[in-house]
Amino acid sequence: MNGQTAQLIRAELTLIRRDPLVLTFVFVFPIVTMLIIGGAFGTQPDRAFEFTNPSHWYVASYLTVVIGAIGLVMMPVHLASYRERGVLRRFAVAGFPRWSFALAELVVGLVTTLVACALLLAVAAPVYGLPALHDAWRVLLALALGAVCFIGLGVLLGSVLPSARSAQAVGLVLFFPSFLLGAGGPPPHVMGSAVRAVAGPLPLTLLTKAVREPWLGLGTATTSLVAVAALTVVVTAAAARRAVL
């Protein structure tokens, strides 16, 4: 990593910290909804939650809500606003390597993911307690792959949508159904068969299963993990081809 790229990463981290959209959807929204929904279902093991503590179910699920918010809301709006204002062209004129901006966005996305997830766990710990981590390497691998996948998806969306407003509209339309059906809404066992059929193949559903099941000791979720890995490869390759710098 050269000095220009490091300077770009520092500047991007500073800008992200000041973005109200990031503060709302990445840091505040997942924590508030986790506290509300986790509290609504209580802490007694329930059949709908595969006989686990419902609050722990949501703690294990909401890390993926953070990842989804970064990939579907934060990254597309940020990148589309740069394209709309001609910032990316100015980077090119200034002599930044073509790959530097994509690398900077990856680093910024991963750092934001780590900070937001750590904050969510820090809030959840004294309120609901943290669920025991049954299969740590699978959980960590799923989170890492999911973070890269959704960052790549965000870069891809931001590179094809014409404006920040359109990126925000598309991102929110993609995020909220994914959030409700795939991670932060009711458990699959209380959904109708048609809703489960729609929710099952959603990327956020696959990622949430790949994290939640090995975390809570409900299974290995190998199929979901493989699907997330394959999606990560496809999305990252597509985002790299669309990168404008």
C-alpha atoms as a PDB file:
ATOM      1  CA  MET A   1       0.000   0.000   0.000  1.00  0.00           C
ATOM      2  CA  ASN A   2       1.541   3.297  -1.077  1.00  0.00           C
ATOM      3  CA  GLY A   3       1.309   6.648   0.680  1.00  0.00           C
ATOM      4  CA  GLN A   4      -1.451   7.944  -1.577  1.00  0.00           C
ATOM      5  CA  THR A   5      -3.686   4.986  -0.795  1.00  0.00           C
ATOM      6  CA  ALA A   6      -3.051   5.268   2.944  1.00  0.00           C
ATOM      7  CA  GLN A   7      -3.902   8.958   2.792  1.00  0.00           C
ATOM      8  CA  LEU A   8      -7.111   8.140   0.897  1.00  0.00           C
ATOM      9  CA  ILE A   9      -8.106   5.550   3.505  1.00  0.00           C
ATOM     10  CA  ARG A  10      -7.595   8.028   6.351  1.00  0.00           C
ATOM     11  CA  ALA A  11      -9.666  10.648   4.537  1.00  0.00           C
ATOM     12  CA  GLU A  12     -12.451   8.150   3.841  1.00  0.00           C
ATOM     13  CA  LEU A  13     -12.575   7.029   7.476  1.00  0.00           C
ATOM     14  CA  THR A  14     -12.907  10.648   8.570  1.00  0.00           C
ATOM     15  CA  LEU A  15     -15.746  11.307   6.117  1.00  0.00           C
ATOM     16  CA  ILE A  16     -17.604   8.125   7.069  1.00  0.00           C
ATOM     17  CA  ARG A  17     -17.498   9.099  10.753  1.00  0.00           C
ATOM     18  CA  ARG A  18     -19.274  12.349   9.960  1.00  0.00           C
ATOM     19  CA  ASP A  19     -21.983  10.841   7.734  1.00  0.00           C
ATOM     20  CA  PRO A  20     -25.423  10.898   9.453  1.00  0.00           C
ATOM     21  CA  LEU A  21     -26.646   8.049   7.241  1.00  0.00           C
ATOM     22  CA  VAL A  22     -23.823   5.849   8.523  1.00  0.00           C
ATOM     23  CA  LEU A  23     -24.467   6.813  12.140  1.00  0.00           C
ATOM     24  CA  THR A  24     -28.173   6.025  11.752  1.00  0.00           C
ATOM     25  CA  PHE A  25     -28.259   2.806   9.741  1.00  0.00           C
ATOM     26  CA  VAL A  26     -24.951   1.215  10.708  1.00  0.00           C
ATOM     27  CA  PHE A  27     -24.561   2.117  14.372  1.00  0.00           C
ATOM     28  CA  VAL A  28     -27.937   3.162  15.803  1.00  0.00           C
ATOM     29  CA  PHE A  29     -30.579   1.193  13.885  1.00  0.00           C
ATOM     30  CA  PRO A  30     -29.207  -2.349  14.517  1.00  0.00           C
ATOM     31  CA  ILE A  31     -28.714  -1.700  18.240  1.00  0.00           C
ATOM     32  CA  VAL A  32     -32.126  -0.128  18.829  1.00  0.00           C
ATOM     33  CA  THR A  33     -34.029  -2.794  16.906  1.00  0.00           C
ATOM     34  CA  MET A  34     -32.052  -5.593  18.566  1.00  0.00           C
ATOM     35  CA  LEU A  35     -32.948  -4.244  22.004  1.00  0.00           C
ATOM     36  CA  ILE A  36     -36.632  -3.847  21.103  1.00  0.00           C
ATOM     37  CA  ILE A  37     -37.156  -7.182  19.340  1.00  0.00           C
ATOM     38  CA  GLY A  38     -34.953  -9.164  21.715  1.00  0.00           C
ATOM     39  CA  GLY A  39     -36.866  -7.746  24.665  1.00  0.00           C
ATOM     40  CA  ALA A  40     -40.235  -8.460  23.041  1.00  0.00           C
ATOM     41  CA  PHE A  41     -39.615 -12.208  22.847  1.00  0.00           C
ATOM     42  CA  GLY A  42     -38.032 -12.567  26.277  1.00  0.00           C
ATOM     43  CA  THR A  43     -35.286 -14.916  27.358  1.00  0.00           C
ATOM     44  CA  GLN A  44     -37.076 -18.250  27.822  1.00  0.00           C
ATOM     45  CA  PRO A  45     -36.178 -20.944  25.250  1.00  0.00           C
ATOM     46  CA  ASP A  46     -38.947 -21.267  22.711  1.00  0.00           C
ATOM     47  CA  ARG A  47     -39.806 -23.731  19.947  1.00  0.00           C
ATOM     48  CA  ALA A  48     -39.999 -20.934  17.366  1.00  0.00           C
ATOM     49  CA  PHE A  49     -36.339 -20.189  18.092  1.00  0.00           C
ATOM     50  CA  GLU A  50     -35.288 -23.839  17.977  1.00  0.00           C
ATOM     51  CA  PHE A  51     -35.487 -23.977  21.785  1.00  0.00           C
ATOM     52  CA  THR A  52     -32.826 -21.339  22.274  1.00  0.00           C
ATOM     53  CA  ASN A  53     -32.968 -18.091  24.216  1.00  0.00           C
ATOM     54  CA  PRO A  54     -34.766 -15.636  21.846  1.00  0.00           C
ATOM     55  CA  SER A  55     -32.622 -12.700  22.923  1.00  0.00           C
ATOM     56  CA  HIS A  56     -29.475 -14.699  22.145  1.00  0.00           C
ATOM     57  CA  TRP A  57     -31.007 -15.637  18.787  1.00  0.00           C
ATOM     58  CA  TYR A  58     -31.240 -11.958  17.896  1.00  0.00           C
ATOM     59  CA  VAL A  59     -27.825 -11.045  19.293  1.00  0.00           C
ATOM     60  CA  ALA A  60     -26.303 -13.704  17.030  1.00  0.00           C
ATOM     61  CA  SER A  61     -28.378 -12.474  14.081  1.00  0.00           C
ATOM     62  CA  TYR A  62     -27.874  -8.749  14.308  1.00  0.00           C
ATOM     63  CA  LEU A  63     -24.199  -8.702  13.431  1.00  0.00           C
ATOM     64  CA  THR A  64     -25.360  -9.548   9.919  1.00  0.00           C
ATOM     65  CA  VAL A  65     -27.816  -6.633  10.029  1.00  0.00           C
ATOM     66  CA  VAL A  66     -24.788  -4.372  10.482  1.00  0.00           C
ATOM     67  CA  ILE A  67     -23.102  -5.996   7.479  1.00  0.00           C
ATOM     68  CA  GLY A  68     -26.261  -5.651   5.390  1.00  0.00           C
ATOM     69  CA  ALA A  69     -26.642  -1.976   6.289  1.00  0.00           C
ATOM     70  CA  ILE A  70     -23.058  -1.262   5.277  1.00  0.00           C
ATOM     71  CA  GLY A  71     -23.359  -3.069   1.946  1.00  0.00           C
ATOM     72  CA  LEU A  72     -26.865  -2.025   0.924  1.00  0.00           C
ATOM     73  CA  VAL A  73     -27.138   1.497   2.338  1.00  0.00           C
ATOM     74  CA  MET A  74     -23.800   3.018   3.340  1.00  0.00           C
ATOM     75  CA  MET A  75     -21.509   1.965   0.488  1.00  0.00           C
ATOM     76  CA  PRO A  76     -23.830   2.566  -2.502  1.00  0.00           C
ATOM     77  CA  VAL A  77     -24.813   6.058  -1.355  1.00  0.00           C
ATOM     78  CA  HIS A  78     -21.233   7.023  -0.551  1.00  0.00           C
ATOM     79  CA  LEU A  79     -19.835   5.834  -3.877  1.00  0.00           C
ATOM     80  CA  ALA A  80     -22.736   7.135  -5.991  1.00  0.00           C
ATOM     81  CA  SER A  81     -22.413  10.577  -4.418  1.00  0.00           C
ATOM     82  CA  TYR A  82     -18.726  10.611  -5.371  1.00  0.00           C
ATOM     83  CA  ARG A  83     -19.528   9.671  -8.967  1.00  0.00           C
ATOM     84  CA  GLU A  84     -22.315  12.239  -9.131  1.00  0.00           C
ATOM     85  CA  ARG A  85     -20.025  15.055  -7.966  1.00  0.00           C
ATOM     86  CA  GLY A  86     -17.094  14.028 -10.151  1.00  0.00           C
ATOM     87  CA  VAL A  87     -14.879  13.190  -7.185  1.00  0.00           C
ATOM     88  CA  LEU A  88     -13.691   9.950  -8.748  1.00  0.00           C
ATOM     89  CA  ARG A  89     -12.533  11.738 -11.881  1.00  0.00           C
ATOM     90  CA  ARG A  90     -10.536  14.153  -9.736  1.00  0.00           C
ATOM     91  CA  PHE A  91      -8.869  11.193  -7.995  1.00  0.00           C
ATOM     92  CA  ALA A  92      -7.842   9.861 -11.409  1.00  0.00           C
ATOM     93  CA  VAL A  93      -6.479  13.254 -12.484  1.00  0.00           C
ATOM     94  CA  ALA A  94      -4.547  13.485  -9.207  1.00  0.00           C
ATOM     95  CA  GLY A  95      -2.707  10.290 -10.128  1.00  0.00           C
ATOM     96  CA  PHE A  96      -4.255   7.767  -7.755  1.00  0.00           C
ATOM     97  CA  PRO A  97      -3.862   4.169  -9.001  1.00  0.00           C
ATOM     98  CA  ARG A  98      -6.988   2.638 -10.511  1.00  0.00           C
ATOM     99  CA  TRP A  99      -7.250   0.088  -7.709  1.00  0.00           C
ATOM    100  CA  SER A 100      -6.673   2.509  -4.833  1.00  0.00           C
ATOM    101  CA  PHE A 101     -10.243   3.700  -4.343  1.00  0.00           C
ATOM    102  CA  ALA A 102     -11.672   0.157  -4.399  1.00  0.00           C
ATOM    103  CA  LEU A 103      -9.058  -0.895  -1.828  1.00  0.00           C
ATOM    104  CA  ALA A 104      -9.843   2.148   0.316  1.00  0.00           C
ATOM    105  CA  GLU A 105     -13.568   1.324   0.269  1.00  0.00           C
ATOM    106  CA  LEU A 106     -12.840  -2.288   1.266  1.00  0.00           C
ATOM    107  CA  VAL A 107     -10.693  -1.171   4.206  1.00  0.00           C
ATOM    108  CA  VAL A 108     -13.232   1.458   5.293  1.00  0.00           C
ATOM    109  CA  GLY A 109     -16.058  -1.072   5.049  1.00  0.00           C
ATOM    110  CA  LEU A 110     -14.191  -3.664   7.107  1.00  0.00           C
ATOM    111  CA  VAL A 111     -13.164  -1.147   9.771  1.00  0.00           C
ATOM    112  CA  THR A 112     -16.749   0.149  10.009  1.00  0.00           C
ATOM    113  CA  THR A 113     -18.005  -3.428  10.298  1.00  0.00           C
ATOM    114  CA  LEU A 114     -15.608  -4.227  13.131  1.00  0.00           C
ATOM    115  CA  VAL A 115     -16.453  -1.073  15.079  1.00  0.00           C
ATOM    116  CA  ALA A 116     -20.214  -1.385  14.603  1.00  0.00           C
ATOM    117  CA  CYS A 117     -20.259  -5.092  15.526  1.00  0.00           C
ATOM    118  CA  ALA A 118     -18.124  -4.479  18.606  1.00  0.00           C
ATOM    119  CA  LEU A 119     -20.451  -1.677  19.699  1.00  0.00           C
ATOM    120  CA  LEU A 120     -23.529  -3.875  19.203  1.00  0.00           C
ATOM    121  CA  LEU A 121     -22.005  -6.681  21.301  1.00  0.00           C
ATOM    122  CA  ALA A 122     -20.925  -4.203  23.975  1.00  0.00           C
ATOM    123  CA  VAL A 123     -24.527  -2.987  24.306  1.00  0.00           C
ATOM    124  CA  ALA A 124     -26.014  -6.501  24.166  1.00  0.00           C
ATOM    125  CA  ALA A 125     -23.679  -7.989  26.790  1.00  0.00           C
ATOM    126  CA  PRO A 126     -25.054  -6.230  29.907  1.00  0.00           C
ATOM    127  CA  VAL A 127     -28.672  -6.356  28.674  1.00  0.00           C
ATOM    128  CA  TYR A 128     -29.118  -9.921  27.361  1.00  0.00           C
ATOM    129  CA  GLY A 129     -25.709 -11.511  27.800  1.00  0.00           C
ATOM    130  CA  LEU A 130     -23.695 -12.897  24.910  1.00  0.00           C
ATOM    131  CA  PRO A 131     -24.537 -16.399  23.670  1.00  0.00           C
ATOM    132  CA  ALA A 132     -21.816 -19.016  23.970  1.00  0.00           C
ATOM    133  CA  LEU A 133     -19.796 -19.341  20.778  1.00  0.00           C
ATOM    134  CA  HIS A 134     -20.054 -23.037  19.854  1.00  0.00           C
ATOM    135  CA  ASP A 135     -18.120 -23.056  16.568  1.00  0.00           C
ATOM    136  CA  ALA A 136     -15.968 -19.948  16.495  1.00  0.00           C
ATOM    137  CA  TRP A 137     -14.051 -20.547  13.278  1.00  0.00           C
ATOM    138  CA  ARG A 138     -17.211 -21.030  11.219  1.00  0.00           C
ATOM    139  CA  VAL A 139     -18.786 -17.911  12.703  1.00  0.00           C
ATOM    140  CA  LEU A 140     -15.699 -15.778  12.090  1.00  0.00           C
ATOM    141  CA  LEU A 141     -15.270 -17.132   8.570  1.00  0.00           C
ATOM    142  CA  ALA A 142     -18.916 -16.422   7.745  1.00  0.00           C
ATOM    143  CA  LEU A 143     -18.664 -12.885   9.124  1.00  0.00           C
ATOM    144  CA  ALA A 144     -15.475 -12.184   7.172  1.00  0.00           C
ATOM    145  CA  LEU A 145     -16.875 -13.555   3.913  1.00  0.00           C
ATOM    146  CA  GLY A 146     -20.176 -11.772   4.459  1.00  0.00           C
ATOM    147  CA  ALA A 147     -18.472  -8.448   5.125  1.00  0.00           C
ATOM    148  CA  VAL A 148     -16.403  -8.676   1.932  1.00  0.00           C
ATOM    149  CA  CYS A 149     -19.452  -9.855  -0.040  1.00  0.00           C
ATOM    150  CA  PHE A 150     -21.706  -6.995   1.032  1.00  0.00           C
ATOM    151  CA  ILE A 151     -18.964  -4.387   0.657  1.00  0.00           C
ATOM    152  CA  GLY A 152     -18.447  -5.654  -2.886  1.00  0.00           C
ATOM    153  CA  LEU A 153     -22.188  -5.513  -3.479  1.00  0.00           C
ATOM    154  CA  GLY A 154     -22.229  -1.930  -2.184  1.00  0.00           C
ATOM    155  CA  VAL A 155     -19.386  -0.930  -4.493  1.00  0.00           C
ATOM    156  CA  LEU A 156     -21.175  -2.611  -7.399  1.00  0.00           C
ATOM    157  CA  LEU A 157     -24.455  -0.807  -6.701  1.00  0.00           C
ATOM    158  CA  GLY A 158     -22.703   2.508  -6.196  1.00  0.00           C
ATOM    159  CA  SER A 159     -20.879   2.118  -9.514  1.00  0.00           C
ATOM    160  CA  VAL A 160     -24.025   1.498 -11.592  1.00  0.00           C
ATOM    161  CA  LEU A 161     -26.612   3.773  -9.952  1.00  0.00           C
ATOM    162  CA  PRO A 162     -26.596   7.311 -11.360  1.00  0.00           C
ATOM    163  CA  SER A 163     -26.986   9.403  -8.201  1.00  0.00           C
ATOM    164  CA  ALA A 164     -26.818   9.335  -4.416  1.00  0.00           C
ATOM    165  CA  ARG A 165     -30.598   9.706  -4.221  1.00  0.00           C
ATOM    166  CA  SER A 166     -31.221   6.708  -6.466  1.00  0.00           C
ATOM    167  CA  ALA A 167     -28.613   4.700  -4.558  1.00  0.00           C
ATOM    168  CA  GLN A 168     -30.341   5.526  -1.280  1.00  0.00           C
ATOM    169  CA  ALA A 169     -33.745   4.567  -2.681  1.00  0.00           C
ATOM    170  CA  VAL A 170     -32.546   1.270  -4.152  1.00  0.00           C
ATOM    171  CA  GLY A 171     -30.460   0.475  -1.081  1.00  0.00           C
ATOM    172  CA  LEU A 172     -33.364   0.976   1.318  1.00  0.00           C
ATOM    173  CA  VAL A 173     -35.707  -1.054  -0.889  1.00  0.00           C
ATOM    174  CA  LEU A 174     -33.189  -3.909  -0.813  1.00  0.00           C
ATOM    175  CA  PHE A 175     -32.257  -3.529   2.834  1.00  0.00           C
ATOM    176  CA  PHE A 176     -35.595  -3.551   4.636  1.00  0.00           C
ATOM    177  CA  PRO A 177     -37.068  -6.723   3.088  1.00  0.00           C
ATOM    178  CA  SER A 178     -33.712  -8.442   3.597  1.00  0.00           C
ATOM    179  CA  PHE A 179     -33.634  -7.215   7.186  1.00  0.00           C
ATOM    180  CA  LEU A 180     -37.177  -8.349   7.998  1.00  0.00           C
ATOM    181  CA  LEU A 181     -37.027 -11.704   6.200  1.00  0.00           C
ATOM    182  CA  GLY A 182     -33.403 -12.637   6.589  1.00  0.00           C
ATOM    183  CA  ALA A 183     -32.051 -11.426   9.907  1.00  0.00           C
ATOM    184  CA  GLY A 184     -33.949  -9.075  12.185  1.00  0.00           C
ATOM    185  CA  GLY A 185     -37.569 -10.104  11.766  1.00  0.00           C
ATOM    186  CA  PRO A 186     -39.565 -13.108  13.016  1.00  0.00           C
ATOM    187  CA  PRO A 187     -37.867 -16.522  13.090  1.00  0.00           C
ATOM    188  CA  PRO A 188     -38.424 -18.728  10.007  1.00  0.00           C
ATOM    189  CA  HIS A 189     -40.552 -21.214  11.968  1.00  0.00           C
ATOM    190  CA  VAL A 190     -43.369 -18.695  12.374  1.00  0.00           C
ATOM    191  CA  MET A 191     -43.303 -17.561   8.736  1.00  0.00           C
ATOM    192  CA  GLY A 192     -45.658 -18.979   6.147  1.00  0.00           C
ATOM    193  CA  SER A 193     -44.269 -21.377   3.551  1.00  0.00           C
ATOM    194  CA  ALA A 194     -44.474 -18.782   0.768  1.00  0.00           C
ATOM    195  CA  VAL A 195     -42.579 -16.218   2.847  1.00  0.00           C
ATOM    196  CA  ARG A 196     -39.924 -18.795   3.768  1.00  0.00           C
ATOM    197  CA  ALA A 197     -39.509 -19.634   0.074  1.00  0.00           C
ATOM    198  CA  VAL A 198     -38.837 -15.966  -0.687  1.00  0.00           C
ATOM    199  CA  ALA A 199     -36.589 -15.426   2.323  1.00  0.00           C
ATOM    200  CA  GLY A 200     -34.468 -18.568   1.913  1.00  0.00           C
ATOM    201  CA  PRO A 201     -32.243 -17.562  -1.023  1.00  0.00           C
ATOM    202  CA  LEU A 202     -31.719 -13.942   0.045  1.00  0.00           C
ATOM    203  CA  PRO A 203     -27.999 -13.209   0.582  1.00  0.00           C
ATOM    204  CA  LEU A 204     -28.648 -11.805   4.056  1.00  0.00           C
ATOM    205  CA  THR A 205     -30.627 -14.933   5.005  1.00  0.00           C
ATOM    206  CA  LEU A 206     -27.790 -17.185   3.883  1.00  0.00           C
ATOM    207  CA  LEU A 207     -25.246 -15.092   5.789  1.00  0.00           C
ATOM    208  CA  THR A 208     -27.382 -14.996   8.931  1.00  0.00           C
ATOM    209  CA  LYS A 209     -27.807 -18.781   8.926  1.00  0.00           C
ATOM    210  CA  ALA A 210     -24.073 -19.233   8.362  1.00  0.00           C
ATOM    211  CA  VAL A 211     -23.404 -17.098  11.460  1.00  0.00           C
ATOM    212  CA  ARG A 212     -26.297 -17.955  13.785  1.00  0.00           C
ATOM    213  CA  GLU A 213     -26.435 -21.741  13.537  1.00  0.00           C
ATOM    214  CA  PRO A 214     -22.780 -22.492  14.394  1.00  0.00           C
ATOM    215  CA  TRP A 215     -22.785 -19.703  16.992  1.00  0.00           C
ATOM    216  CA  LEU A 216     -25.782 -21.117  18.879  1.00  0.00           C
ATOM    217  CA  GLY A 217     -24.880 -24.765  18.280  1.00  0.00           C
ATOM    218  CA  LEU A 218     -27.879 -25.392  16.014  1.00  0.00           C
ATOM    219  CA  GLY A 219     -25.855 -26.874  13.158  1.00  0.00           C
ATOM    220  CA  THR A 220     -22.901 -26.267  10.886  1.00  0.00           C
ATOM    221  CA  ALA A 221     -24.795 -24.350   8.148  1.00  0.00           C
ATOM    222  CA  THR A 222     -22.209 -25.613   5.667  1.00  0.00           C
ATOM    223  CA  THR A 223     -24.525 -25.149   2.682  1.00  0.00           C
ATOM    224  CA  SER A 224     -25.192 -21.519   3.615  1.00  0.00           C
ATOM    225  CA  LEU A 225     -21.478 -20.882   4.217  1.00  0.00           C
ATOM    226  CA  VAL A 226     -20.548 -22.308   0.810  1.00  0.00           C
ATOM    227  CA  ALA A 227     -23.273 -20.206  -0.823  1.00  0.00           C
ATOM    228  CA  VAL A 228     -21.937 -17.056   0.875  1.00  0.00           C
ATOM    229  CA  ALA A 229     -18.391 -17.911  -0.240  1.00  0.00           C
ATOM    230  CA  ALA A 230     -19.526 -18.423  -3.851  1.00  0.00           C
ATOM    231  CA  LEU A 231     -21.530 -15.194  -3.802  1.00  0.00           C
ATOM    232  CA  THR A 232     -18.505 -13.356  -2.394  1.00  0.00           C
ATOM    233  CA  VAL A 233     -16.352 -14.478  -5.311  1.00  0.00           C
ATOM    234  CA  VAL A 234     -18.957 -13.489  -7.904  1.00  0.00           C
ATOM    235  CA  VAL A 235     -19.810 -10.110  -6.359  1.00  0.00           C
ATOM    236  CA  THR A 236     -16.178  -9.171  -5.701  1.00  0.00           C
ATOM    237  CA  ALA A 237     -15.202  -9.994  -9.280  1.00  0.00           C
ATOM    238  CA  ALA A 238     -18.117  -7.961 -10.645  1.00  0.00           C
ATOM    239  CA  ALA A 239     -17.320  -5.020  -8.361  1.00  0.00           C
ATOM    240  CA  ALA A 240     -13.657  -5.102  -9.363  1.00  0.00           C
ATOM    241  CA  ARG A 241     -14.614  -4.944 -13.055  1.00  0.00           C
ATOM    242  CA  ARG A 242     -16.938  -2.007 -12.427  1.00  0.00           C
ATOM    243  CA  ALA A 243     -14.441  -0.071 -10.303  1.00  0.00           C
ATOM    244  CA  VAL A 244     -13.912   3.311 -11.858  1.00  0.00           C
ATOM    245  CA  LEU A 245     -10.428   3.880 -10.486  1.00  0.00           C
END
